[in-house]
C-alpha atoms as a PDB file:
ATOM      1  CA  MET A   1     -31.208  14.129  17.114  1.00  0.00           C
ATOM      2  CA  LEU A   2     -27.882  14.816  15.406  1.00  0.00           C
ATOM      3  CA  ALA A   3     -27.736  11.246  14.108  1.00  0.00           C
ATOM      4  CA  ARG A   4     -31.237  11.389  12.589  1.00  0.00           C
ATOM      5  CA  SER A   5     -30.640  14.727  10.887  1.00  0.00           C
ATOM      6  CA  LEU A   6     -27.370  13.524   9.398  1.00  0.00           C
ATOM      7  CA  LEU A   7     -28.950  10.350   8.054  1.00  0.00           C
ATOM      8  CA  GLN A   8     -31.690  12.345   6.332  1.00  0.00           C
ATOM      9  CA  ARG A   9     -29.161  14.357   4.371  1.00  0.00           C
ATOM     10  CA  ARG A  10     -27.316  13.147   1.335  1.00  0.00           C
ATOM     11  CA  MET A  11     -24.091  11.650   2.545  1.00  0.00           C
ATOM     12  CA  ARG A  12     -21.073  13.778   1.786  1.00  0.00           C
ATOM     13  CA  HIS A  13     -17.359  13.577   2.388  1.00  0.00           C
ATOM     14  CA  ARG A  14     -16.658  15.073   5.791  1.00  0.00           C
ATOM     15  CA  THR A  15     -13.949  17.445   6.818  1.00  0.00           C
ATOM     16  CA  LEU A  16     -12.739  17.929  10.348  1.00  0.00           C
ATOM     17  CA  ALA A  17     -14.101  21.469  10.351  1.00  0.00           C
ATOM     18  CA  SER A  18     -17.531  20.562   8.972  1.00  0.00           C
ATOM     19  CA  VAL A  19     -18.591  17.821  11.416  1.00  0.00           C
ATOM     20  CA  PRO A  20     -16.075  17.678  14.293  1.00  0.00           C
ATOM     21  CA  ALA A  21     -18.415  15.559  16.458  1.00  0.00           C
ATOM     22  CA  LEU A  22     -18.030  12.582  14.095  1.00  0.00           C
ATOM     23  CA  TRP A  23     -14.242  12.422  14.266  1.00  0.00           C
ATOM     24  CA  ALA A  24     -12.016  10.551  16.690  1.00  0.00           C
ATOM     25  CA  SER A  25      -8.324  11.175  17.177  1.00  0.00           C
ATOM     26  CA  PHE A  26      -5.283   9.766  18.873  1.00  0.00           C
ATOM     27  CA  PRO A  27      -1.708  11.016  19.278  1.00  0.00           C
ATOM     28  CA  CYS A  28       0.329  10.411  16.133  1.00  0.00           C
ATOM     29  CA  PRO A  29       2.918  13.049  15.205  1.00  0.00           C
ATOM     30  CA  ARG A  30       3.861  13.591  11.584  1.00  0.00           C
ATOM     31  CA  SER A  31       7.260  12.125  12.349  1.00  0.00           C
ATOM     32  CA  GLU A  32       5.456   8.800  12.829  1.00  0.00           C
ATOM     33  CA  LEU A  33       3.054   9.089   9.878  1.00  0.00           C
ATOM     34  CA  ARG A  34       2.596  11.427   6.929  1.00  0.00           C
ATOM     35  CA  LEU A  35      -0.611  10.618   5.116  1.00  0.00           C
ATOM     36  CA  ASP A  36       0.353  12.461   1.936  1.00  0.00           C
ATOM     37  CA  LEU A  37       3.530  10.422   1.529  1.00  0.00           C
ATOM     38  CA  VAL A  38       2.139   7.046   2.540  1.00  0.00           C
ATOM     39  CA  LEU A  39      -1.286   6.950   0.884  1.00  0.00           C
ATOM     40  CA  ALA A  40      -0.154   8.291  -2.490  1.00  0.00           C
ATOM     41  CA  SER A  41       3.050   6.289  -2.656  1.00  0.00           C
ATOM     42  CA  GLY A  42       1.948   3.318  -4.742  1.00  0.00           C
ATOM     43  CA  GLN A  43       1.557   0.897  -1.862  1.00  0.00           C
ATOM     44  CA  SER A  44      -2.243   1.065  -1.999  1.00  0.00           C
ATOM     45  CA  PHE A  45      -4.202   2.427  -4.943  1.00  0.00           C
ATOM     46  CA  ARG A  46      -7.534   3.205  -3.303  1.00  0.00           C
ATOM     47  CA  TRP A  47      -7.086   6.453  -1.379  1.00  0.00           C
ATOM     48  CA  ARG A  48      -8.041   9.884  -2.752  1.00  0.00           C
ATOM     49  CA  GLU A  49      -7.501  13.358  -1.395  1.00  0.00           C
ATOM     50  CA  GLN A  50     -11.167  14.390  -1.713  1.00  0.00           C
ATOM     51  CA  SER A  51     -10.542  17.736  -0.029  1.00  0.00           C
ATOM     52  CA  PRO A  52      -7.258  19.352   0.982  1.00  0.00           C
ATOM     53  CA  ALA A  53      -5.363  17.127   3.454  1.00  0.00           C
ATOM     54  CA  HIS A  54      -8.392  14.807   3.832  1.00  0.00           C
ATOM     55  CA  TRP A  55      -7.872  11.304   2.430  1.00  0.00           C
ATOM     56  CA  SER A  56     -10.827   9.002   1.786  1.00  0.00           C
ATOM     57  CA  GLY A  57     -10.695   5.297   1.020  1.00  0.00           C
ATOM     58  CA  VAL A  58     -11.783   1.803   1.965  1.00  0.00           C
ATOM     59  CA  LEU A  59     -10.227   0.034   4.921  1.00  0.00           C
ATOM     60  CA  ALA A  60     -11.534  -3.191   6.470  1.00  0.00           C
ATOM     61  CA  ASP A  61     -14.693  -2.990   4.302  1.00  0.00           C
ATOM     62  CA  GLN A  62     -15.566   0.449   5.653  1.00  0.00           C
ATOM     63  CA  VAL A  63     -15.177   3.880   4.105  1.00  0.00           C
ATOM     64  CA  TRP A  64     -12.956   6.275   6.025  1.00  0.00           C
ATOM     65  CA  THR A  65     -11.670   9.810   5.788  1.00  0.00           C
ATOM     66  CA  LEU A  66      -8.374  10.572   7.500  1.00  0.00           C
ATOM     67  CA  THR A  67      -6.608  13.832   8.199  1.00  0.00           C
ATOM     68  CA  GLN A  68      -3.925  14.969  10.601  1.00  0.00           C
ATOM     69  CA  THR A  69      -2.405  17.825  12.502  1.00  0.00           C
ATOM     70  CA  GLU A  70       1.191  18.059  13.605  1.00  0.00           C
ATOM     71  CA  GLU A  71       0.540  15.818  16.610  1.00  0.00           C
ATOM     72  CA  HIS A  72      -2.715  13.891  16.026  1.00  0.00           C
ATOM     73  CA  LEU A  73      -4.343  11.585  13.475  1.00  0.00           C
ATOM     74  CA  TYR A  74      -8.079  12.213  12.978  1.00  0.00           C
ATOM     75  CA  CYS A  75     -10.454   9.557  11.625  1.00  0.00           C
ATOM     76  CA  THR A  76     -14.121   9.429  10.656  1.00  0.00           C
ATOM     77  CA  VAL A  77     -15.982   6.366   9.389  1.00  0.00           C
ATOM     78  CA  TYR A  78     -19.106   6.169   7.207  1.00  0.00           C
ATOM     79  CA  ARG A  79     -21.393   3.272   8.049  1.00  0.00           C
ATOM     80  CA  GLY A  80     -23.873   3.689   5.216  1.00  0.00           C
ATOM     81  CA  ASP A  81     -27.245   2.008   5.590  1.00  0.00           C
ATOM     82  CA  LYS A  82     -26.238   0.382   8.861  1.00  0.00           C
ATOM     83  CA  GLY A  83     -27.853   3.411  10.413  1.00  0.00           C
ATOM     84  CA  ARG A  84     -25.230   4.106  13.074  1.00  0.00           C
ATOM     85  CA  VAL A  85     -23.868   7.635  12.911  1.00  0.00           C
ATOM     86  CA  GLY A  86     -21.166   8.486  15.379  1.00  0.00           C
ATOM     87  CA  ARG A  87     -17.464   8.779  15.832  1.00  0.00           C
ATOM     88  CA  PRO A  88     -15.347   5.645  15.279  1.00  0.00           C
ATOM     89  CA  THR A  89     -15.343   3.102  18.084  1.00  0.00           C
ATOM     90  CA  LEU A  90     -12.156   1.856  19.716  1.00  0.00           C
ATOM     91  CA  GLU A  91     -12.487  -1.396  17.781  1.00  0.00           C
ATOM     92  CA  GLU A  92     -12.811   0.475  14.485  1.00  0.00           C
ATOM     93  CA  LEU A  93      -9.813   2.647  15.316  1.00  0.00           C
ATOM     94  CA  LYS A  94      -7.835  -0.509  15.990  1.00  0.00           C
ATOM     95  CA  ALA A  95      -8.133  -1.358  12.282  1.00  0.00           C
ATOM     96  CA  VAL A  96      -6.591   2.022  11.413  1.00  0.00           C
ATOM     97  CA  ARG A  97      -3.694   1.521  13.821  1.00  0.00           C
ATOM     98  CA  GLN A  98      -3.022  -1.948  12.423  1.00  0.00           C
ATOM     99  CA  TYR A  99      -3.198  -0.721   8.826  1.00  0.00           C
ATOM    100  CA  PHE A 100      -0.467   1.847   9.473  1.00  0.00           C
ATOM    101  CA  GLN A 101       1.381  -0.443  11.933  1.00  0.00           C
ATOM    102  CA  LEU A 102       1.433   2.365  14.483  1.00  0.00           C
ATOM    103  CA  ASP A 103       2.643   0.059  17.226  1.00  0.00           C
ATOM    104  CA  VAL A 104       6.068   0.382  15.571  1.00  0.00           C
ATOM    105  CA  SER A 105       8.035   3.464  16.592  1.00  0.00           C
ATOM    106  CA  LEU A 106       9.287   4.957  13.357  1.00  0.00           C
ATOM    107  CA  ALA A 107      11.397   7.542  15.186  1.00  0.00           C
ATOM    108  CA  GLN A 108      13.455   4.779  16.777  1.00  0.00           C
ATOM    109  CA  LEU A 109      13.924   3.054  13.430  1.00  0.00           C
ATOM    110  CA  TYR A 110      14.923   6.298  11.713  1.00  0.00           C
ATOM    111  CA  HIS A 111      17.505   6.851  14.441  1.00  0.00           C
ATOM    112  CA  HIS A 112      18.909   3.360  13.896  1.00  0.00           C
ATOM    113  CA  TRP A 113      18.995   3.644  10.113  1.00  0.00           C
ATOM    114  CA  SER A 114      20.649   7.058  10.287  1.00  0.00           C
ATOM    115  CA  SER A 115      23.309   5.715  12.638  1.00  0.00           C
ATOM    116  CA  VAL A 116      24.327   3.014  10.149  1.00  0.00           C
ATOM    117  CA  ASP A 117      23.846   4.888   6.881  1.00  0.00           C
ATOM    118  CA  PRO A 118      25.013   8.481   6.274  1.00  0.00           C
ATOM    119  CA  HIS A 119      23.062   8.682   3.029  1.00  0.00           C
ATOM    120  CA  PHE A 120      19.862   7.735   4.827  1.00  0.00           C
ATOM    121  CA  GLN A 121      20.561  10.347   7.465  1.00  0.00           C
ATOM    122  CA  GLU A 122      20.889  13.043   4.802  1.00  0.00           C
ATOM    123  CA  VAL A 123      17.865  12.132   2.684  1.00  0.00           C
ATOM    124  CA  ALA A 124      15.456  11.071   5.443  1.00  0.00           C
ATOM    125  CA  GLN A 125      15.418  14.516   7.020  1.00  0.00           C
ATOM    126  CA  LYS A 126      12.930  15.536   4.308  1.00  0.00           C
ATOM    127  CA  PHE A 127      10.845  12.376   4.528  1.00  0.00           C
ATOM    128  CA  GLN A 128       9.680  11.792   8.050  1.00  0.00           C
ATOM    129  CA  GLY A 129       6.665   9.596   8.738  1.00  0.00           C
ATOM    130  CA  VAL A 130       6.864   7.163   5.822  1.00  0.00           C
ATOM    131  CA  ARG A 131       5.895   3.667   6.838  1.00  0.00           C
ATOM    132  CA  LEU A 132       4.774   0.357   5.409  1.00  0.00           C
ATOM    133  CA  LEU A 133       1.053  -0.397   5.171  1.00  0.00           C
ATOM    134  CA  GLN A 134      -0.246  -3.728   6.403  1.00  0.00           C
ATOM    135  CA  GLN A 135      -2.689  -4.422   3.622  1.00  0.00           C
ATOM    136  CA  ASP A 136      -5.240  -7.116   3.026  1.00  0.00           C
ATOM    137  CA  PRO A 137      -3.323  -9.866   1.190  1.00  0.00           C
ATOM    138  CA  ILE A 138      -5.969 -10.340  -1.522  1.00  0.00           C
ATOM    139  CA  GLU A 139      -6.127  -6.642  -2.354  1.00  0.00           C
ATOM    140  CA  CYS A 140      -2.364  -6.337  -2.338  1.00  0.00           C
ATOM    141  CA  LEU A 141      -1.819  -9.428  -4.498  1.00  0.00           C
ATOM    142  CA  PHE A 142      -4.237  -8.497  -7.262  1.00  0.00           C
ATOM    143  CA  SER A 143      -3.330  -4.816  -7.198  1.00  0.00           C
ATOM    144  CA  PHE A 144       0.262  -5.752  -7.881  1.00  0.00           C
ATOM    145  CA  ILE A 145      -0.672  -8.134 -10.641  1.00  0.00           C
ATOM    146  CA  CYS A 146      -2.294  -5.062 -12.202  1.00  0.00           C
ATOM    147  CA  SER A 147       0.943  -3.131 -11.678  1.00  0.00           C
ATOM    148  CA  SER A 148       2.899  -5.135 -14.239  1.00  0.00           C
ATOM    149  CA  ASN A 149       4.518  -2.741 -16.752  1.00  0.00           C
ATOM    150  CA  ASN A 150       2.364   0.068 -15.472  1.00  0.00           C
ATOM    151  CA  ASN A 151       2.406   3.402 -13.642  1.00  0.00           C
ATOM    152  CA  ILE A 152       0.557   4.507 -10.525  1.00  0.00           C
ATOM    153  CA  ALA A 153      -2.122   6.497 -12.365  1.00  0.00           C
ATOM    154  CA  ARG A 154      -3.048   3.598 -14.656  1.00  0.00           C
ATOM    155  CA  ILE A 155      -2.863   1.024 -11.852  1.00  0.00           C
ATOM    156  CA  THR A 156      -5.207   3.186  -9.783  1.00  0.00           C
ATOM    157  CA  GLY A 157      -7.720   3.263 -12.614  1.00  0.00           C
ATOM    158  CA  MET A 158      -7.523  -0.484 -13.180  1.00  0.00           C
ATOM    159  CA  VAL A 159      -7.978  -1.305  -9.503  1.00  0.00           C
ATOM    160  CA  GLU A 160     -10.899   1.102  -9.223  1.00  0.00           C
ATOM    161  CA  ARG A 161     -12.690  -0.447 -12.219  1.00  0.00           C
ATOM    162  CA  LEU A 162     -11.979  -3.909 -10.827  1.00  0.00           C
ATOM    163  CA  CYS A 163     -13.663  -2.967  -7.545  1.00  0.00           C
ATOM    164  CA  GLN A 164     -16.592  -1.217  -9.203  1.00  0.00           C
ATOM    165  CA  THR A 165     -17.351  -4.268 -11.340  1.00  0.00           C
ATOM    166  CA  PHE A 166     -16.698  -7.159  -8.961  1.00  0.00           C
ATOM    167  CA  GLY A 167     -16.622  -5.684  -5.453  1.00  0.00           C
ATOM    168  CA  PRO A 168     -19.573  -5.131  -3.094  1.00  0.00           C
ATOM    169  CA  ARG A 169     -21.060  -1.649  -3.122  1.00  0.00           C
ATOM    170  CA  LEU A 170     -20.517   0.043   0.235  1.00  0.00           C
ATOM    171  CA  LEU A 171     -21.963   3.552  -0.048  1.00  0.00           C
ATOM    172  CA  GLN A 172     -21.916   6.792  -1.991  1.00  0.00           C
ATOM    173  CA  LEU A 173     -20.410  10.073  -0.799  1.00  0.00           C
ATOM    174  CA  ASP A 174     -21.161  13.081  -2.981  1.00  0.00           C
ATOM    175  CA  ASP A 175     -20.764  11.662  -6.494  1.00  0.00           C
ATOM    176  CA  VAL A 176     -18.237   8.964  -5.511  1.00  0.00           C
ATOM    177  CA  THR A 177     -19.397   5.361  -5.012  1.00  0.00           C
ATOM    178  CA  TYR A 178     -17.170   3.191  -2.854  1.00  0.00           C
ATOM    179  CA  HIS A 179     -16.810  -0.571  -3.235  1.00  0.00           C
ATOM    180  CA  GLY A 180     -15.055  -3.218  -1.221  1.00  0.00           C
ATOM    181  CA  PHE A 181     -12.315  -5.244  -2.867  1.00  0.00           C
ATOM    182  CA  PRO A 182     -13.615  -8.312  -4.746  1.00  0.00           C
ATOM    183  CA  THR A 183     -13.442 -11.727  -3.116  1.00  0.00           C
ATOM    184  CA  LEU A 184     -11.498 -14.615  -4.588  1.00  0.00           C
ATOM    185  CA  GLN A 185     -14.812 -16.183  -5.597  1.00  0.00           C
ATOM    186  CA  ALA A 186     -15.850 -13.059  -7.503  1.00  0.00           C
ATOM    187  CA  LEU A 187     -12.556 -12.980  -9.418  1.00  0.00           C
ATOM    188  CA  ALA A 188     -12.585 -16.697 -10.248  1.00  0.00           C
ATOM    189  CA  GLY A 189     -15.756 -16.733 -12.338  1.00  0.00           C
ATOM    190  CA  PRO A 190     -15.751 -18.125 -15.884  1.00  0.00           C
ATOM    191  CA  GLN A 191     -16.406 -14.756 -17.572  1.00  0.00           C
ATOM    192  CA  VAL A 192     -14.067 -12.678 -15.404  1.00  0.00           C
ATOM    193  CA  GLU A 193     -11.140 -12.594 -17.816  1.00  0.00           C
ATOM    194  CA  ALA A 194     -13.278 -11.321 -20.682  1.00  0.00           C
ATOM    195  CA  GLN A 195     -14.840  -8.664 -18.482  1.00  0.00           C
ATOM    196  CA  LEU A 196     -11.461  -7.542 -17.194  1.00  0.00           C
ATOM    197  CA  ARG A 197     -10.155  -7.155 -20.717  1.00  0.00           C
ATOM    198  CA  LYS A 198     -13.087  -4.876 -21.463  1.00  0.00           C
ATOM    199  CA  LEU A 199     -12.107  -2.885 -18.385  1.00  0.00           C
ATOM    200  CA  GLY A 200      -8.668  -2.264 -19.847  1.00  0.00           C
ATOM    201  CA  LEU A 201      -6.523  -4.732 -17.904  1.00  0.00           C
ATOM    202  CA  GLY A 202      -5.132  -6.285 -21.084  1.00  0.00           C
ATOM    203  CA  TYR A 203      -2.958  -9.361 -20.587  1.00  0.00           C
ATOM    204  CA  ARG A 204      -3.203  -8.884 -16.811  1.00  0.00           C
ATOM    205  CA  ALA A 205      -6.838 -10.029 -16.997  1.00  0.00           C
ATOM    206  CA  ARG A 206      -5.756 -13.625 -17.512  1.00  0.00           C
ATOM    207  CA  TYR A 207      -3.387 -13.486 -14.556  1.00  0.00           C
ATOM    208  CA  VAL A 208      -6.061 -12.062 -12.237  1.00  0.00           C
ATOM    209  CA  SER A 209      -8.659 -14.725 -13.008  1.00  0.00           C
ATOM    210  CA  ALA A 210      -6.134 -17.575 -13.183  1.00  0.00           C
ATOM    211  CA  SER A 211      -4.538 -16.644  -9.853  1.00  0.00           C
ATOM    212  CA  ALA A 212      -7.927 -16.399  -8.153  1.00  0.00           C
ATOM    213  CA  ARG A 213      -8.885 -19.857  -9.436  1.00  0.00           C
ATOM    214  CA  ALA A 214      -5.514 -21.311  -8.472  1.00  0.00           C
ATOM    215  CA  ILE A 215      -5.774 -20.014  -4.888  1.00  0.00           C
ATOM    216  CA  LEU A 216      -9.333 -21.285  -4.514  1.00  0.00           C
ATOM    217  CA  GLU A 217      -9.069 -24.631  -6.280  1.00  0.00           C
ATOM    218  CA  GLU A 218      -5.493 -25.715  -5.640  1.00  0.00           C
ATOM    219  CA  ARG A 219      -4.270 -23.947  -2.503  1.00  0.00           C
ATOM    220  CA  GLY A 220      -7.187 -23.813  -0.106  1.00  0.00           C
ATOM    221  CA  GLY A 221      -8.323 -20.224  -0.584  1.00  0.00           C
ATOM    222  CA  LEU A 222      -7.699 -17.274   1.723  1.00  0.00           C
ATOM    223  CA  PRO A 223      -6.146 -19.348   4.567  1.00  0.00           C
ATOM    224  CA  TRP A 224      -3.268 -20.211   2.219  1.00  0.00           C
ATOM    225  CA  LEU A 225      -2.467 -16.522   1.736  1.00  0.00           C
ATOM    226  CA  GLN A 226      -2.865 -15.774   5.426  1.00  0.00           C
ATOM    227  CA  GLN A 227      -0.486 -18.524   6.509  1.00  0.00           C
ATOM    228  CA  LEU A 228       2.228 -17.070   4.288  1.00  0.00           C
ATOM    229  CA  ARG A 229       2.409 -14.149   6.702  1.00  0.00           C
ATOM    230  CA  LYS A 230       4.078 -16.456   9.208  1.00  0.00           C
ATOM    231  CA  ALA A 231       6.210 -18.325   6.684  1.00  0.00           C
ATOM    232  CA  PRO A 232       9.961 -17.784   6.232  1.00  0.00           C
ATOM    233  CA  TYR A 233      10.889 -15.468   3.385  1.00  0.00           C
ATOM    234  CA  GLU A 234      12.114 -18.218   1.070  1.00  0.00           C
ATOM    235  CA  GLU A 235       8.933 -20.241   1.532  1.00  0.00           C
ATOM    236  CA  ALA A 236       6.610 -17.286   0.974  1.00  0.00           C
ATOM    237  CA  HIS A 237       8.594 -16.089  -2.029  1.00  0.00           C
ATOM    238  CA  LYS A 238       8.555 -19.524  -3.637  1.00  0.00           C
ATOM    239  CA  ALA A 239       4.848 -20.005  -2.963  1.00  0.00           C
ATOM    240  CA  LEU A 240       3.875 -16.664  -4.464  1.00  0.00           C
ATOM    241  CA  CYS A 241       5.931 -17.348  -7.576  1.00  0.00           C
ATOM    242  CA  THR A 242       3.701 -20.335  -8.358  1.00  0.00           C
ATOM    243  CA  LEU A 243       0.776 -17.991  -9.067  1.00  0.00           C
ATOM    244  CA  PRO A 244       0.119 -16.845 -12.645  1.00  0.00           C
ATOM    245  CA  GLY A 245       1.442 -13.326 -13.136  1.00  0.00           C
ATOM    246  CA  VAL A 246       3.645 -13.334 -10.039  1.00  0.00           C
ATOM    247  CA  GLY A 247       7.312 -13.681 -10.826  1.00  0.00           C
ATOM    248  CA  THR A 248      10.627 -13.190  -9.095  1.00  0.00           C
ATOM    249  CA  LYS A 249      10.228  -9.411  -9.309  1.00  0.00           C
ATOM    250  CA  THR A 250       6.669  -9.103  -7.991  1.00  0.00           C
ATOM    251  CA  SER A 251       6.945 -11.677  -5.200  1.00  0.00           C
ATOM    252  CA  PRO A 252       9.619  -9.861  -3.144  1.00  0.00           C
ATOM    253  CA  ARG A 253       7.493  -6.718  -3.348  1.00  0.00           C
ATOM    254  CA  LEU A 254       4.376  -8.509  -2.160  1.00  0.00           C
ATOM    255  CA  CYS A 255       6.042 -10.132   0.841  1.00  0.00           C
ATOM    256  CA  PRO A 256       6.625  -6.973   2.901  1.00  0.00           C
ATOM    257  CA  TRP A 257       3.574  -5.057   1.733  1.00  0.00           C
ATOM    258  CA  THR A 258       1.145  -7.773   2.732  1.00  0.00           C
ATOM    259  CA  SER A 259       3.284  -8.650   5.765  1.00  0.00           C
ATOM    260  CA  MET A 260       3.197 -12.176   4.383  1.00  0.00           C
ATOM    261  CA  CYS A 261       6.574 -12.821   5.842  1.00  0.00           C
ATOM    262  CA  GLY A 262       8.812 -11.090   8.295  1.00  0.00           C
ATOM    263  CA  ARG A 263      11.510 -10.143   5.844  1.00  0.00           C
ATOM    264  CA  SER A 264      11.845  -9.205   2.216  1.00  0.00           C
ATOM    265  CA  LEU A 265      14.306  -7.615  -0.122  1.00  0.00           C
ATOM    266  CA  ASN A 266      12.612  -5.222  -2.513  1.00  0.00           C
ATOM    267  CA  VAL A 267      14.437  -5.208  -5.852  1.00  0.00           C
ATOM    268  CA  THR A 268      13.523  -3.338  -9.008  1.00  0.00           C
ATOM    269  CA  THR A 269      15.646  -3.161 -12.149  1.00  0.00           C
ATOM    270  CA  ALA A 270      13.835  -0.808 -14.522  1.00  0.00           C
ATOM    271  CA  GLY A 271      14.334   2.908 -15.008  1.00  0.00           C
ATOM    272  CA  THR A 272      16.879   5.684 -14.900  1.00  0.00           C
ATOM    273  CA  PRO A 273      19.266   6.386 -12.003  1.00  0.00           C
ATOM    274  CA  PRO A 274      18.513   9.348  -9.746  1.00  0.00           C
ATOM    275  CA  PRO A 275      20.616  12.511  -9.934  1.00  0.00           C
ATOM    276  CA  PRO A 276      24.185  12.206  -8.606  1.00  0.00           C
ATOM    277  CA  ARG A 277      23.455  14.179  -5.443  1.00  0.00           C
ATOM    278  CA  VAL A 278      21.224  11.399  -4.120  1.00  0.00           C
ATOM    279  CA  ARG A 279      22.669   8.432  -5.963  1.00  0.00           C
ATOM    280  CA  ALA A 280      24.116   5.518  -4.075  1.00  0.00           C
ATOM    281  CA  PRO A 281      26.851   3.353  -5.604  1.00  0.00           C
ATOM    282  CA  ARG A 282      25.246   1.299  -8.361  1.00  0.00           C
ATOM    283  CA  PRO A 283      26.149  -2.332  -8.920  1.00  0.00           C
ATOM    284  CA  THR A 284      27.705  -3.187 -12.251  1.00  0.00           C
ATOM    285  CA  ARG A 285      25.375  -6.100 -12.890  1.00  0.00           C
ATOM    286  CA  ASN A 286      21.636  -6.448 -13.255  1.00  0.00           C
ATOM    287  CA  TRP A 287      19.695  -6.946 -10.020  1.00  0.00           C
ATOM    288  CA  GLY A 288      17.578  -9.834 -11.190  1.00  0.00           C
ATOM    289  CA  PRO A 289      16.559 -13.156  -9.616  1.00  0.00           C
ATOM    290  CA  ARG A 290      20.150 -14.350  -9.192  1.00  0.00           C
ATOM    291  CA  PHE A 291      20.958 -11.359  -7.005  1.00  0.00           C
ATOM    292  CA  THR A 292      17.763 -11.716  -5.010  1.00  0.00           C
ATOM    293  CA  GLU A 293      18.451 -15.361  -4.339  1.00  0.00           C
ATOM    294  CA  GLY A 294      21.986 -14.576  -3.278  1.00  0.00           C
ATOM    295  CA  THR A 295      21.155 -12.056  -0.592  1.00  0.00           C
ATOM    296  CA  THR A 296      21.757 -13.016   2.985  1.00  0.00           C
ATOM    297  CA  GLU A 297      19.202 -13.234   5.771  1.00  0.00           C
ATOM    298  CA  ALA A 298      20.762 -10.162   7.393  1.00  0.00           C
ATOM    299  CA  GLN A 299      20.435  -8.180   4.162  1.00  0.00           C
ATOM    300  CA  ARG A 300      16.793  -9.132   3.877  1.00  0.00           C
ATOM    301  CA  ASP A 301      16.195  -8.159   7.509  1.00  0.00           C
ATOM    302  CA  GLU A 302      17.624  -4.706   6.924  1.00  0.00           C
ATOM    303  CA  GLY A 303      16.039  -4.438   3.483  1.00  0.00           C
ATOM    304  CA  PHE A 304      12.591  -5.062   4.945  1.00  0.00           C
ATOM    305  CA  ARG A 305      13.038  -2.426   7.616  1.00  0.00           C
ATOM    306  CA  ILE A 306      14.356   0.140   5.170  1.00  0.00           C
ATOM    307  CA  SER A 307      11.463  -0.509   2.798  1.00  0.00           C
ATOM    308  CA  ASN A 308       9.226   0.792   5.574  1.00  0.00           C
ATOM    309  CA  TRP A 309      10.029   4.273   4.322  1.00  0.00           C
ATOM    310  CA  SER A 310      11.840   3.965   1.013  1.00  0.00           C
ATOM    311  CA  GLU A 311       8.938   3.016  -1.235  1.00  0.00           C
ATOM    312  CA  ALA A 312       6.747   5.983  -0.406  1.00  0.00           C
ATOM    313  CA  GLU A 313       9.689   8.338  -0.081  1.00  0.00           C
ATOM    314  CA  SER A 314      10.954   7.533  -3.540  1.00  0.00           C
ATOM    315  CA  ASN A 315       7.553   7.704  -5.227  1.00  0.00           C
ATOM    316  CA  SER A 316       6.999  11.175  -3.771  1.00  0.00           C
ATOM    317  CA  ASN A 317      10.543  12.492  -3.939  1.00  0.00           C
ATOM    318  CA  PRO A 318      11.278  14.793  -6.873  1.00  0.00           C
ATOM    319  CA  SER A 319      14.975  13.965  -6.767  1.00  0.00           C
ATOM    320  CA  LEU A 320      14.565  10.231  -7.120  1.00  0.00           C
ATOM    321  CA  SER A 321      13.696   8.279 -10.239  1.00  0.00           C
ATOM    322  CA  ASP A 322      12.544   4.781 -11.105  1.00  0.00           C
ATOM    323  CA  ALA A 323      15.946   3.207 -10.819  1.00  0.00           C
ATOM    324  CA  GLY A 324      15.841   0.088  -8.722  1.00  0.00           C
ATOM    325  CA  SER A 325      17.668  -0.753  -5.526  1.00  0.00           C
ATOM    326  CA  TRP A 326      21.245  -0.152  -4.534  1.00  0.00           C
ATOM    327  CA  PRO A 327      23.113  -1.480  -1.517  1.00  0.00           C
ATOM    328  CA  PHE A 328      23.721   0.928   1.286  1.00  0.00           C
ATOM    329  CA  SER A 329      25.737  -0.161   4.260  1.00  0.00           C
ATOM    330  CA  PRO A 330      24.023  -2.092   5.729  1.00  0.00           C
ATOM    331  CA  CYS A 331      20.621  -1.440   4.130  1.00  0.00           C
ATOM    332  CA  LEU A 332      18.911  -1.304   0.738  1.00  0.00           C
ATOM    333  CA  LEU A 333      16.951   1.661  -0.569  1.00  0.00           C
ATOM    334  CA  GLU A 334      14.557   1.379  -3.478  1.00  0.00           C
ATOM    335  CA  PHE A 335      13.981   4.361  -5.725  1.00  0.00           C
ATOM    336  CA  LEU A 336      10.791   4.165  -7.785  1.00  0.00           C
ATOM    337  CA  SER A 337       9.642   7.639  -8.737  1.00  0.00           C
ATOM    338  CA  ASP A 338      10.045   9.060 -12.224  1.00  0.00           C
ATOM    339  CA  GLN A 339       8.768  12.479 -11.172  1.00  0.00           C
ATOM    340  CA  PHE A 340      10.565  15.508  -9.809  1.00  0.00           C
ATOM    341  CA  ARG A 341       8.342  17.587  -7.534  1.00  0.00           C
ATOM    342  CA  GLU A 342       9.082  19.500  -4.369  1.00  0.00           C
ATOM    343  CA  LEU A 343       7.492  18.473  -1.087  1.00  0.00           C
ATOM    344  CA  PRO A 344       6.493  20.883   1.689  1.00  0.00           C
END
């Protein structure tokens, strides 16, 4: 009865208070995950806070809304014209857990990082629950091609228009229509570049269409991207750099965020240093490809683990600015934000 009545209504974004019967939850304290820091950090560009503390977006080709309390993560899934209304199944919730990599204890990692880095210990007290997303490799790759010389607001708009034009329509909630991310085949068409330029992607349009064609025609398609997840860092980094629009700066960022390889050093060189009270010692030379190539396996190991929190923390932290990475002992912390705003 409840299912039929809900299907007859216009589908709307849910809140936990409005339809509690359609939500599922599992224990997940804020110290392990903070949605506001992670989903708006510039890792993924497809989540929106449609109502206070309720984040809606596309995950595993389904539309979700997520919210949380101090101790639990709450999830509801919209199945559109499939006709099944009900709370998420255990299998559907598994996709959420994998996306946030909740099998990893962030509290244990924070304890380790704090024990080896006094600066981390000081700053991280304000930024609990920031972790790395395990994203779909196609979405992550093409989103970051769009990120070239760009900011989060513009990247978000580009990715949204890309999905609206080339991705499959999933459903509409209120006045928002959700689409899945385009397939490689959809992005490799002969007219794609011209269409993307009309959508405002500029020179990135050529890289998107050329990379899609290269993966499909020369590298075996999606399996090639998937196998990079198990490849050593050097192999994955080198392979990604062969794609149009992916250089020595973008590739190290893609490796950890798609979990393409087990380790990555995230290095950025643009921007202004953060204020002295949070600034780590800055190297006297530019952190370009030569530095990246010269890092040791141990540095990359620690750099990957530290990037689990640093990317989102820096994009949301008012006291950090888009300044690149500096060596801590023994880890690397990347500061990316050019905003200064207080967090609760």
